[in-house]
Amino acid sequence: MSLVYQRLVIRSRNCLTQCLRLVSGQKEKGPSLQFSSVAYIWGAGDGGQLGTGTHETSLLPIKFPVSEEVSCIGCGYGFTLAADTSSSHIWTTGLNTFGQLGRQLTCNNLKESDEKPAAVNIHVATLPSRVEQISCGRSHSVVLLTDGEVLSCGGNYHGQCGVGDLHSKLIRQFTKIPHIPGRIVQIACGMDHTLLLSDEGEVFSCGWGADGQTGLGHFHNEATFKPIQGALKDVRIKQIATSADCCLALSVEGEAFSWGNNEYQQLATGSDEEQLAAPTRAKLLKNLPQIKQVSAGGSNCAVVTESGDVYSWGYGVLGHGREVSFTKTPKKIQEFDNIDEPVARVCCGPDYMTVITDSGSLYTWGRGSFGRLGLGSTEDQWIPKKVPLPGEVTGISCGLDHMAAIIRLT
């Protein structure tokens, strides 16, 4: 187990799982409603994050038990949020210790988690605005609406909810983030920080800055969203990525930038500095083919090229087999040469990775604890392996110990 993953587990378990209480129960059995777009979920269930009514682990994908179609889903550290395809409400389940579910629990006050999804109404300024994206951190949740507005809730100890007040430690209801310039088109939560991308290609950040993950040129916390400058100044960004404490950004020209934690050379800058507080060009990626998409994990990162190849680097289970657990230079994952289709998207969890192919197949690899890889086992998987799912995967979210996918049924 990598040191970074151990650190993530210790940080999250210390502040979250102390509130867990094991309960017994039976999984619901019966016919599932038929929709064209549904969510499947798997991995750890100790916080109720799978929504099954129990704390049981699921080694294989199971249907996320909601009664309507699902358009997007977000996995946090022991909790899950899912959005309806046609309304402005979301389902939330799992840990609510810091208000990250955006609702008061219906159970007794001593219990700070819920094991079944319940609907939360998102108050929107303009109708018929809907939830377009969901991103979750260690203890906070962020939602992007189709009109470009952003709402957040949950732990705000480091300012990660972006509401402008560090004294408000817990935001227990979804709250509109004020004073955001421009229309937001992408959101991305790290462990305790948040990134926003505007339609003008500008990146904003707030939250915990101890590893430089806010990219604002310092290592302090920020309670309001501020524009990231440095190497991003006057650069139009088309995609952002973060999940732990390092960050990547991709420009419209296909150039990658990085900042935050660099203990395992996961920023691909060639620098030996362990934390970078301002964005810099990821120069070790410059010799790759044209980059289409970037993804940032805990101790490792990955990119997809325009030709559909996947490159990974850093430390951990990188997809290159047991013999390669560290490389600071991006290395092509050869296993995908054996698959007769290109990769469309990569998504990194804290200590594992997953890709979606052009046809909607899902492959995972990394640390297999709690069955988070969806492969029917808790063993580590050193090269990509296909996850059994009943349809085309159109979206994916990677939590700490669980994962979820949006499936278009065929």
Protein backbone atom coordinates (compact mmCIF):
# COMPACT_ATOMS: atom_id res chain seq x y z
CA MET A 1 0.00 0.00 0.00
CA SER A 2 1.45 3.38 -0.96
CA LEU A 3 2.28 5.99 1.65
CA VAL A 4 -0.08 8.44 -0.01
CA TYR A 5 -2.96 5.99 0.13
CA GLN A 6 -2.21 5.24 3.79
CA ARG A 7 -2.26 8.95 4.48
CA LEU A 8 -5.59 9.39 2.67
CA VAL A 9 -7.14 6.52 4.60
CA ILE A 10 -5.84 7.79 7.95
CA ARG A 11 -7.05 11.33 7.30
CA SER A 12 -10.48 10.27 6.17
CA ARG A 13 -11.02 7.46 8.66
CA ASN A 14 -10.00 9.60 11.62
CA CYS A 15 -12.60 12.26 10.88
CA LEU A 16 -15.32 10.14 9.29
CA THR A 17 -15.49 6.51 10.30
CA GLN A 18 -15.38 7.23 14.01
CA CYS A 19 -19.08 8.04 13.54
CA LEU A 20 -20.00 4.81 11.77
CA ARG A 21 -22.21 2.26 13.48
CA LEU A 22 -22.63 -1.18 12.04
CA VAL A 23 -26.20 -2.24 11.45
CA SER A 24 -27.69 -5.43 10.16
CA GLY A 25 -30.21 -5.79 7.40
CA GLN A 26 -31.17 -7.48 4.19
CA LYS A 27 -30.52 -6.19 0.67
CA GLU A 28 -33.67 -5.33 -1.17
CA LYS A 29 -34.73 -8.01 -3.58
CA GLY A 30 -37.23 -7.64 -6.35
CA PRO A 31 -37.66 -6.52 -9.94
CA SER A 32 -35.72 -3.41 -10.91
CA LEU A 33 -37.40 -0.66 -12.86
CA GLN A 34 -36.31 -0.42 -16.47
CA PHE A 35 -34.73 2.82 -17.65
CA SER A 36 -32.43 3.78 -20.49
CA SER A 37 -29.92 5.37 -18.11
CA VAL A 38 -29.17 3.87 -14.70
CA ALA A 39 -26.33 3.90 -12.17
CA TYR A 40 -24.35 0.91 -10.97
CA ILE A 41 -22.21 1.04 -7.84
CA TRP A 42 -19.72 -1.21 -6.01
CA GLY A 43 -17.00 -1.33 -3.34
CA ALA A 44 -17.10 -0.49 0.37
CA GLY A 45 -20.47 -0.02 2.02
CA ASP A 46 -19.42 0.76 5.60
CA GLY A 47 -20.88 4.28 5.47
CA GLY A 48 -24.05 3.32 3.62
CA GLN A 49 -22.60 4.76 0.41
CA LEU A 50 -23.94 1.94 -1.79
CA GLY A 51 -27.52 2.75 -0.82
CA THR A 52 -28.45 -0.89 -0.24
CA GLY A 53 -29.78 -0.49 3.29
CA THR A 54 -26.78 -2.30 4.78
CA HIS A 55 -23.09 -1.70 5.36
CA GLU A 56 -22.07 -4.67 3.25
CA THR A 57 -19.33 -4.52 0.64
CA SER A 58 -20.17 -5.35 -2.97
CA LEU A 59 -17.35 -6.90 -4.97
CA LEU A 60 -19.33 -6.64 -8.22
CA PRO A 61 -21.47 -3.84 -9.68
CA ILE A 62 -25.05 -3.61 -8.42
CA LYS A 63 -27.81 -1.23 -9.46
CA PHE A 64 -27.95 1.98 -7.44
CA PRO A 65 -31.43 1.73 -5.89
CA VAL A 66 -33.31 4.82 -7.04
CA SER A 67 -36.67 4.94 -8.77
CA GLU A 68 -35.83 7.21 -11.70
CA GLU A 69 -33.23 7.57 -14.41
CA VAL A 70 -29.81 8.87 -13.40
CA SER A 71 -27.85 11.45 -15.38
CA CYS A 72 -24.72 11.81 -13.24
CA ILE A 73 -23.27 10.47 -9.99
CA GLY A 74 -20.55 11.45 -7.54
CA CYS A 75 -18.67 9.28 -5.03
CA GLY A 76 -17.08 10.83 -1.95
CA TYR A 77 -15.37 9.37 1.09
CA GLY A 78 -18.18 7.09 2.29
CA PHE A 79 -21.10 8.85 0.60
CA THR A 80 -22.77 9.07 -2.81
CA LEU A 81 -24.87 11.64 -4.69
CA ALA A 82 -26.85 10.95 -7.87
CA ALA A 83 -28.86 13.29 -10.11
CA ASP A 84 -32.16 12.82 -11.91
CA THR A 85 -32.26 13.23 -15.68
CA SER A 86 -35.32 15.45 -15.68
CA SER A 87 -35.55 17.42 -12.42
CA SER A 88 -33.54 19.52 -10.02
CA HIS A 89 -33.39 17.04 -7.17
CA ILE A 90 -30.68 14.56 -6.27
CA TRP A 91 -30.45 11.38 -4.21
CA THR A 92 -27.92 11.21 -1.40
CA THR A 93 -26.80 8.31 0.79
CA GLY A 94 -23.98 7.45 3.18
CA LEU A 95 -22.01 9.49 5.67
CA ASN A 96 -23.48 12.84 6.67
CA THR A 97 -21.13 13.70 9.51
CA PHE A 98 -20.35 17.10 7.99
CA GLY A 99 -23.63 17.72 6.17
CA GLN A 100 -22.23 16.44 2.87
CA LEU A 101 -25.58 14.85 1.93
CA GLY A 102 -27.25 18.26 1.98
CA ARG A 103 -30.09 17.06 4.21
CA GLN A 104 -31.06 16.20 7.75
CA LEU A 105 -31.23 12.47 8.35
CA THR A 106 -34.60 10.94 9.09
CA CYS A 107 -33.10 8.48 11.55
CA ASN A 108 -32.21 9.14 15.18
CA ASN A 109 -29.83 11.97 15.97
CA LEU A 110 -27.06 9.67 17.21
CA LYS A 111 -26.61 8.19 13.78
CA GLU A 112 -24.65 10.25 11.25
CA SER A 113 -25.05 8.13 8.16
CA ASP A 114 -27.92 6.82 6.06
CA GLU A 115 -27.99 3.53 4.19
CA LYS A 116 -30.62 4.27 1.56
CA PRO A 117 -30.85 7.11 -0.99
CA ALA A 118 -33.25 9.95 -0.20
CA ALA A 119 -34.21 12.86 -2.43
CA VAL A 120 -32.90 16.37 -1.82
CA ASN A 121 -34.42 19.31 -3.66
CA ILE A 122 -31.91 21.74 -5.15
CA HIS A 123 -33.29 25.27 -5.15
CA VAL A 124 -32.46 26.70 -8.56
CA ALA A 125 -32.64 30.33 -9.67
CA THR A 126 -33.85 29.60 -13.19
CA LEU A 127 -36.13 26.82 -14.36
CA PRO A 128 -35.93 24.28 -15.88
CA SER A 129 -32.29 24.18 -14.72
CA ARG A 130 -31.06 20.70 -13.73
CA VAL A 131 -28.03 19.11 -12.15
CA GLU A 132 -25.34 18.67 -14.82
CA GLN A 133 -22.30 17.55 -12.79
CA ILE A 134 -21.58 16.27 -9.29
CA SER A 135 -18.17 16.18 -7.61
CA CYS A 136 -17.39 15.01 -4.07
CA GLY A 137 -14.39 15.44 -1.79
CA ARG A 138 -13.53 13.91 1.54
CA SER A 139 -16.39 15.64 3.38
CA HIS A 140 -17.93 18.12 0.92
CA SER A 141 -20.16 17.98 -2.15
CA VAL A 142 -20.37 20.35 -5.13
CA VAL A 143 -23.10 20.45 -7.78
CA LEU A 144 -23.07 22.24 -11.14
CA LEU A 145 -26.41 23.21 -12.70
CA THR A 146 -27.12 23.50 -16.40
CA ASP A 147 -27.37 27.31 -16.08
CA GLY A 148 -23.77 27.45 -14.82
CA GLU A 149 -24.59 28.03 -11.16
CA VAL A 150 -22.67 26.08 -8.50
CA LEU A 151 -23.91 24.88 -5.11
CA SER A 152 -21.97 23.24 -2.28
CA CYS A 153 -22.47 21.69 1.13
CA GLY A 154 -20.59 19.68 3.74
CA GLY A 155 -17.33 20.19 5.61
CA ASN A 156 -15.95 23.72 5.24
CA TYR A 157 -13.09 23.61 7.74
CA HIS A 158 -10.60 24.66 5.06
CA GLY A 159 -12.97 26.82 3.02
CA GLN A 160 -13.54 24.05 0.45
CA CYS A 161 -17.24 24.89 0.03
CA GLY A 162 -16.26 28.32 -1.27
CA VAL A 163 -19.01 30.21 0.53
CA GLY A 164 -16.64 32.91 1.78
CA ASP A 165 -16.69 32.10 5.49
CA LEU A 166 -14.16 29.95 7.32
CA HIS A 167 -16.16 30.33 10.55
CA SER A 168 -18.97 28.24 9.05
CA LYS A 169 -17.39 24.83 9.55
CA LEU A 170 -20.40 22.84 8.37
CA ILE A 171 -22.68 23.77 5.47
CA ARG A 172 -25.63 21.41 5.96
CA GLN A 173 -27.75 22.52 3.00
CA PHE A 174 -26.81 23.06 -0.61
CA THR A 175 -25.80 26.72 -0.80
CA LYS A 176 -25.21 28.79 -3.91
CA ILE A 177 -21.59 29.87 -4.23
CA PRO A 178 -21.59 33.67 -4.51
CA HIS A 179 -19.63 36.01 -6.75
CA ILE A 180 -18.36 33.56 -9.35
CA PRO A 181 -17.36 35.46 -12.50
CA GLY A 182 -18.53 33.88 -15.72
CA ARG A 183 -20.48 30.72 -16.40
CA ILE A 184 -19.00 27.55 -14.88
CA VAL A 185 -18.74 24.51 -17.17
CA GLN A 186 -16.79 22.03 -15.00
CA ILE A 187 -16.32 21.31 -11.29
CA ALA A 188 -13.67 19.12 -9.64
CA CYS A 189 -13.28 18.34 -5.92
CA GLY A 190 -10.02 17.31 -4.35
CA MET A 191 -9.82 15.91 -0.87
CA ASP A 192 -10.43 19.28 0.82
CA HIS A 193 -10.27 21.78 -2.05
CA THR A 194 -12.39 22.62 -5.07
CA LEU A 195 -11.65 23.72 -8.64
CA LEU A 196 -14.01 25.44 -11.08
CA LEU A 197 -13.60 26.01 -14.82
CA SER A 198 -15.44 28.84 -16.58
CA ASP A 199 -16.63 28.98 -20.17
CA GLU A 200 -13.87 31.54 -20.76
CA GLY A 201 -11.24 28.92 -19.88
CA GLU A 202 -10.35 30.43 -16.50
CA VAL A 203 -9.72 28.23 -13.44
CA PHE A 204 -10.81 29.16 -9.90
CA SER A 205 -9.99 27.42 -6.62
CA CYS A 206 -10.67 27.46 -2.89
CA GLY A 207 -10.07 25.29 0.17
CA TRP A 208 -7.08 23.57 1.72
CA GLY A 209 -3.74 24.78 0.39
CA ALA A 210 -1.17 22.96 2.55
CA ASP A 211 0.24 21.11 -0.48
CA GLY A 212 -0.25 23.99 -2.91
CA GLN A 213 -3.37 22.38 -4.34
CA THR A 214 -5.25 25.66 -4.68
CA GLY A 215 -2.55 26.84 -7.12
CA LEU A 216 -2.77 30.38 -5.79
CA GLY A 217 0.94 30.80 -5.08
CA HIS A 218 0.78 30.09 -1.34
CA PHE A 219 0.09 27.25 1.10
CA HIS A 220 -2.79 28.84 3.04
CA ASN A 221 -6.50 28.06 3.03
CA GLU A 222 -8.92 30.07 0.91
CA ALA A 223 -12.60 30.46 1.78
CA THR A 224 -13.64 32.08 -1.53
CA PHE A 225 -12.94 31.10 -5.11
CA LYS A 226 -10.04 33.01 -6.60
CA PRO A 227 -8.61 32.86 -10.13
CA ILE A 228 -5.47 30.75 -10.60
CA GLN A 229 -2.73 32.70 -12.34
CA GLY A 230 0.91 31.67 -12.69
CA ALA A 231 1.48 29.68 -15.86
CA LEU A 232 -2.29 29.65 -16.49
CA LYS A 233 -2.44 33.42 -16.98
CA ASP A 234 -3.78 34.19 -20.46
CA VAL A 235 -4.06 30.44 -21.22
CA ARG A 236 -7.49 29.09 -22.15
CA ILE A 237 -8.10 25.85 -20.22
CA LYS A 238 -10.60 23.27 -21.47
CA GLN A 239 -10.42 20.64 -18.71
CA ILE A 240 -9.40 20.37 -15.04
CA ALA A 241 -8.69 17.32 -12.87
CA THR A 242 -8.12 16.62 -9.18
CA SER A 243 -9.20 13.98 -6.66
CA ALA A 244 -6.72 14.11 -3.77
CA ASP A 245 -4.11 16.90 -3.42
CA CYS A 246 -2.53 17.26 -6.86
CA CYS A 247 -4.10 18.98 -9.88
CA LEU A 248 -3.89 18.93 -13.67
CA ALA A 249 -5.28 21.30 -16.29
CA LEU A 250 -5.39 20.93 -20.08
CA SER A 251 -5.37 23.89 -22.46
CA VAL A 252 -7.32 24.10 -25.70
CA GLU A 253 -3.98 23.66 -27.48
CA GLY A 254 -3.43 20.34 -25.68
CA GLU A 255 -0.75 21.53 -23.25
CA ALA A 256 -0.87 20.17 -19.68
CA PHE A 257 -0.24 22.16 -16.49
CA SER A 258 0.08 20.88 -12.93
CA TRP A 259 0.34 21.99 -9.29
CA GLY A 260 -0.07 20.69 -5.73
CA ASN A 261 1.48 17.59 -4.16
CA ASN A 262 4.52 16.23 -6.01
CA GLU A 263 5.94 13.73 -3.51
CA TYR A 264 5.94 10.97 -6.13
CA GLN A 265 6.70 13.09 -9.20
CA GLN A 266 3.02 12.88 -10.14
CA LEU A 267 3.03 16.45 -11.50
CA ALA A 268 5.32 15.47 -14.41
CA THR A 269 7.27 18.73 -14.15
CA GLY A 270 10.71 17.19 -13.71
CA SER A 271 11.05 19.16 -10.48
CA ASP A 272 12.13 17.54 -7.21
CA GLU A 273 10.05 19.97 -5.16
CA GLU A 274 7.45 18.06 -3.16
CA GLN A 275 4.79 20.79 -3.31
CA LEU A 276 4.17 23.33 -6.03
CA ALA A 277 1.88 26.19 -5.04
CA ALA A 278 1.47 27.65 -8.53
CA PRO A 279 0.75 26.01 -11.89
CA THR A 280 3.66 25.05 -14.05
CA ARG A 281 3.95 23.37 -17.42
CA ALA A 282 4.08 19.58 -17.15
CA LYS A 283 7.09 19.43 -19.40
CA LEU A 284 7.51 15.64 -19.14
CA LEU A 285 4.26 15.35 -21.11
CA LYS A 286 5.40 17.54 -24.01
CA ASN A 287 6.78 14.63 -26.04
CA LEU A 288 3.53 12.66 -25.89
CA PRO A 289 1.08 12.57 -28.79
CA GLN A 290 -1.69 15.18 -28.63
CA ILE A 291 -3.42 14.91 -25.23
CA LYS A 292 -7.22 14.68 -25.18
CA GLN A 293 -7.95 14.36 -21.45
CA VAL A 294 -6.12 14.39 -18.10
CA SER A 295 -6.87 12.80 -14.72
CA ALA A 296 -5.20 13.21 -11.32
CA GLY A 297 -5.14 10.59 -8.57
CA GLY A 298 -3.33 10.53 -5.22
CA SER A 299 0.22 9.41 -5.99
CA ASN A 300 -0.25 8.96 -9.75
CA CYS A 301 -1.85 10.58 -12.78
CA ALA A 302 -2.87 9.59 -16.31
CA VAL A 303 -3.78 11.06 -19.69
CA VAL A 304 -5.59 9.90 -22.81
CA THR A 305 -4.23 10.94 -26.20
CA GLU A 306 -6.26 11.86 -29.28
CA SER A 307 -5.39 8.45 -30.73
CA GLY A 308 -6.95 6.71 -27.71
CA ASP A 309 -3.77 5.60 -25.91
CA VAL A 310 -3.35 5.86 -22.12
CA TYR A 311 -0.18 7.04 -20.37
CA SER A 312 0.34 6.90 -16.60
CA TRP A 313 3.10 7.94 -14.20
CA GLY A 314 3.87 8.49 -10.51
CA TYR A 315 3.79 5.79 -7.85
CA GLY A 316 1.43 2.88 -7.26
CA VAL A 317 -0.36 0.34 -9.44
CA LEU A 318 0.09 2.12 -12.75
CA GLY A 319 -1.25 -0.48 -15.17
CA HIS A 320 2.17 -1.57 -16.46
CA GLY A 321 2.40 -4.80 -14.47
CA ARG A 322 4.00 -5.63 -11.14
CA GLU A 323 7.47 -4.70 -12.33
CA VAL A 324 6.61 -1.00 -12.73
CA SER A 325 5.35 0.71 -9.59
CA PHE A 326 7.12 4.04 -10.14
CA THR A 327 7.96 6.17 -13.14
CA LYS A 328 8.29 9.94 -13.28
CA THR A 329 8.19 9.81 -17.08
CA PRO A 330 4.74 9.02 -18.53
CA LYS A 331 4.60 5.46 -19.82
CA LYS A 332 2.11 4.02 -22.30
CA ILE A 333 -0.11 1.25 -20.91
CA GLN A 334 0.54 -1.52 -23.41
CA GLU A 335 -2.42 -3.66 -22.37
CA PHE A 336 -4.76 -1.44 -24.36
CA ASP A 337 -2.98 -2.43 -27.56
CA ASN A 338 -4.70 -5.81 -27.11
CA ILE A 339 -8.13 -4.16 -27.11
CA ASP A 340 -9.51 -3.49 -30.56
CA GLU A 341 -10.80 0.01 -29.78
CA PRO A 342 -9.41 3.31 -28.46
CA VAL A 343 -9.88 4.68 -24.96
CA ALA A 344 -12.23 7.64 -24.63
CA ARG A 345 -11.71 8.70 -21.02
CA VAL A 346 -9.59 7.97 -17.93
CA CYS A 347 -10.56 8.58 -14.31
CA CYS A 348 -8.20 8.24 -11.33
CA GLY A 349 -9.20 7.41 -7.79
CA PRO A 350 -6.87 7.95 -4.84
CA ASP A 351 -5.09 4.62 -5.47
CA TYR A 352 -6.66 3.09 -8.58
CA MET A 353 -7.56 3.98 -12.16
CA THR A 354 -10.32 3.28 -14.65
CA VAL A 355 -10.99 3.96 -18.32
CA ILE A 356 -14.02 4.03 -20.60
CA THR A 357 -13.48 2.85 -24.17
CA ASP A 358 -15.18 4.26 -27.27
CA SER A 359 -17.83 1.53 -27.15
CA GLY A 360 -18.55 2.14 -23.45
CA SER A 361 -16.62 -0.74 -21.89
CA LEU A 362 -15.08 -0.13 -18.46
CA TYR A 363 -11.61 -1.29 -17.38
CA THR A 364 -10.10 -0.88 -13.90
CA TRP A 365 -6.77 -1.52 -12.20
CA GLY A 366 -5.09 -0.58 -8.90
CA ARG A 367 -5.56 -1.44 -5.24
CA GLY A 368 -8.47 -3.83 -4.90
CA SER A 369 -9.37 -3.42 -1.22
CA PHE A 370 -13.12 -3.44 -0.47
CA GLY A 371 -13.81 -4.58 -4.03
CA ARG A 372 -13.48 -1.02 -5.31
CA LEU A 373 -12.39 -2.27 -8.75
CA GLY A 374 -15.69 -4.08 -9.38
CA LEU A 375 -13.92 -7.27 -10.46
CA GLY A 376 -15.35 -9.66 -7.85
CA SER A 377 -12.21 -9.66 -5.72
CA THR A 378 -10.27 -7.61 -3.19
CA GLU A 379 -6.95 -8.43 -4.86
CA ASP A 380 -4.78 -5.76 -6.46
CA GLN A 381 -5.05 -5.64 -10.25
CA TRP A 382 -1.76 -4.70 -11.94
CA ILE A 383 -3.03 -4.39 -15.51
CA PRO A 384 -6.39 -3.16 -16.80
CA LYS A 385 -9.25 -5.65 -16.61
CA LYS A 386 -12.81 -5.33 -17.92
CA VAL A 387 -15.63 -4.78 -15.41
CA PRO A 388 -18.83 -6.78 -16.04
CA LEU A 389 -21.66 -4.31 -16.68
CA PRO A 390 -25.02 -4.65 -18.49
CA GLY A 391 -24.69 -1.77 -20.94
CA GLU A 392 -22.64 1.12 -22.29
CA VAL A 393 -20.78 3.18 -19.68
CA THR A 394 -21.27 6.91 -20.24
CA GLY A 395 -19.93 8.29 -16.94
CA ILE A 396 -17.79 7.26 -14.00
CA SER A 397 -16.98 8.51 -10.50
CA CYS A 398 -14.16 7.26 -8.27
CA GLY A 399 -14.49 7.58 -4.49
CA LEU A 400 -12.03 6.52 -1.82
CA ASP A 401 -13.24 2.93 -1.45
CA HIS A 402 -16.18 2.72 -3.87
CA MET A 403 -16.98 3.54 -7.47
CA ALA A 404 -20.08 4.20 -9.56
CA ALA A 405 -20.90 4.28 -13.28
CA ILE A 406 -23.73 5.65 -15.40
CA ILE A 407 -24.96 2.94 -17.77
CA ARG A 408 -26.94 3.30 -20.98
CA LEU A 409 -28.85 0.05 -21.18
CA THR A 410 -28.80 -1.81 -24.50
